[in-house]
Amino acid sequence: MKEEDKHEEGNEEERTHVDSLTEKDVEEILDIVCQDGLYKRAEIVKVYCPACGEEFIGTKRHAGGFVAGHQAFHEFENHQDVMMIQMGGE
């Protein structure tokens, strides 16, 4: 995380912008500033999609959206294949 991406408030509190997260931040507990607002004491995690291998680094909240979105997308793709076969396509 770049030093210019941290913002001090008072003497104790540092805030990190969500766009500046890197693999070095994984497992850290940080105050994260993002478009949604401020996440206090957010654990930074790294998750991946087992279907396509895409990876995500961010808060647990955002990682949940990544996982759910990938699950929905891949289920949609699989459903399209089944529907095509049922209709006589290949």
Protein backbone atom coordinates (compact mmCIF):
# COMPACT_ATOMS: atom_id res chain seq x y z
CA MET A 1 0.00 0.00 0.00
CA LYS A 2 1.40 3.37 -0.98
CA GLU A 3 1.94 5.91 1.76
CA GLU A 4 -0.01 8.57 -0.15
CA ASP A 5 -3.06 6.26 -0.15
CA LYS A 6 -3.19 6.32 3.65
CA HIS A 7 -5.00 9.15 5.38
CA GLU A 8 -4.36 10.01 8.99
CA GLU A 9 -7.13 11.29 11.18
CA GLY A 10 -5.90 12.29 14.59
CA ASN A 11 -2.79 10.52 15.80
CA GLU A 12 -3.99 6.92 15.85
CA GLU A 13 -6.23 6.23 12.90
CA GLU A 14 -5.12 5.45 9.35
CA ARG A 15 -7.54 4.90 6.53
CA THR A 16 -6.80 3.08 3.29
CA HIS A 17 -8.59 3.61 0.00
CA VAL A 18 -10.03 0.36 -1.36
CA ASP A 19 -8.37 0.90 -4.76
CA SER A 20 -4.89 0.81 -3.22
CA LEU A 21 -5.08 -2.72 -1.74
CA THR A 22 -2.40 -5.24 -2.72
CA GLU A 23 -1.54 -8.84 -1.79
CA LYS A 24 0.61 -7.42 1.02
CA ASP A 25 -2.61 -6.25 2.72
CA VAL A 26 -4.22 -9.72 2.85
CA GLU A 27 -5.04 -10.74 6.46
CA GLU A 28 -4.59 -7.15 7.67
CA ILE A 29 -7.35 -5.38 9.63
CA LEU A 30 -7.75 -1.88 8.14
CA ASP A 31 -10.14 1.04 8.03
CA ILE A 32 -11.19 1.11 4.37
CA VAL A 33 -12.60 4.08 2.49
CA CYS A 34 -14.61 3.19 -0.61
CA GLN A 35 -17.54 4.44 -2.64
CA ASP A 36 -19.96 2.75 -0.20
CA GLY A 37 -18.51 4.58 2.78
CA LEU A 38 -16.06 3.72 5.55
CA TYR A 39 -15.50 0.14 6.70
CA LYS A 40 -13.97 0.18 10.19
CA ARG A 41 -11.68 -2.75 11.10
CA ALA A 42 -12.27 -4.59 7.83
CA GLU A 43 -10.29 -7.78 7.30
CA ILE A 44 -8.66 -7.90 3.88
CA VAL A 45 -9.05 -11.27 2.16
CA LYS A 46 -8.08 -12.91 -1.12
CA VAL A 47 -10.61 -15.20 -2.82
CA TYR A 48 -10.79 -16.86 -6.21
CA CYS A 49 -13.38 -18.45 -8.46
CA PRO A 50 -12.72 -22.21 -8.77
CA ALA A 51 -14.57 -22.28 -12.11
CA CYS A 52 -12.46 -19.70 -13.98
CA GLY A 53 -9.57 -18.81 -11.66
CA GLU A 54 -10.31 -15.07 -11.41
CA GLU A 55 -9.00 -13.63 -8.13
CA PHE A 56 -10.16 -10.79 -5.88
CA ILE A 57 -8.47 -8.92 -3.02
CA GLY A 58 -10.61 -6.74 -0.78
CA THR A 59 -12.86 -6.63 2.26
CA LYS A 60 -14.95 -9.65 3.23
CA ARG A 61 -18.03 -7.66 2.25
CA HIS A 62 -16.76 -7.06 -1.28
CA ALA A 63 -15.34 -10.59 -1.55
CA GLY A 64 -18.82 -11.94 -0.81
CA GLY A 65 -20.18 -9.98 -3.77
CA PHE A 66 -17.39 -11.30 -5.97
CA VAL A 67 -18.11 -14.92 -4.99
CA ALA A 68 -21.90 -14.59 -5.32
CA GLY A 69 -21.56 -12.81 -8.67
CA HIS A 70 -19.30 -15.51 -10.06
CA GLN A 71 -21.58 -18.25 -8.81
CA ALA A 72 -24.58 -16.62 -10.50
CA PHE A 73 -22.65 -16.07 -13.74
CA HIS A 74 -21.34 -19.63 -13.98
CA GLU A 75 -24.76 -21.10 -13.09
CA PHE A 76 -26.25 -18.96 -15.89
CA GLU A 77 -23.63 -20.25 -18.35
CA ASN A 78 -24.27 -23.85 -17.33
CA HIS A 79 -28.04 -23.36 -17.63
CA GLN A 80 -27.60 -21.95 -21.16
CA ASP A 81 -25.69 -25.11 -22.18
CA VAL A 82 -28.39 -27.40 -20.76
CA MET A 83 -31.17 -25.40 -22.40
CA MET A 84 -29.42 -25.51 -25.78
CA ILE A 85 -29.00 -29.29 -25.58
CA GLN A 86 -32.66 -29.72 -24.58
CA MET A 87 -33.69 -27.73 -27.65
CA GLY A 88 -31.66 -30.00 -29.94
CA GLY A 89 -28.60 -27.79 -30.33
CA GLU A 90 -25.01 -28.73 -29.70
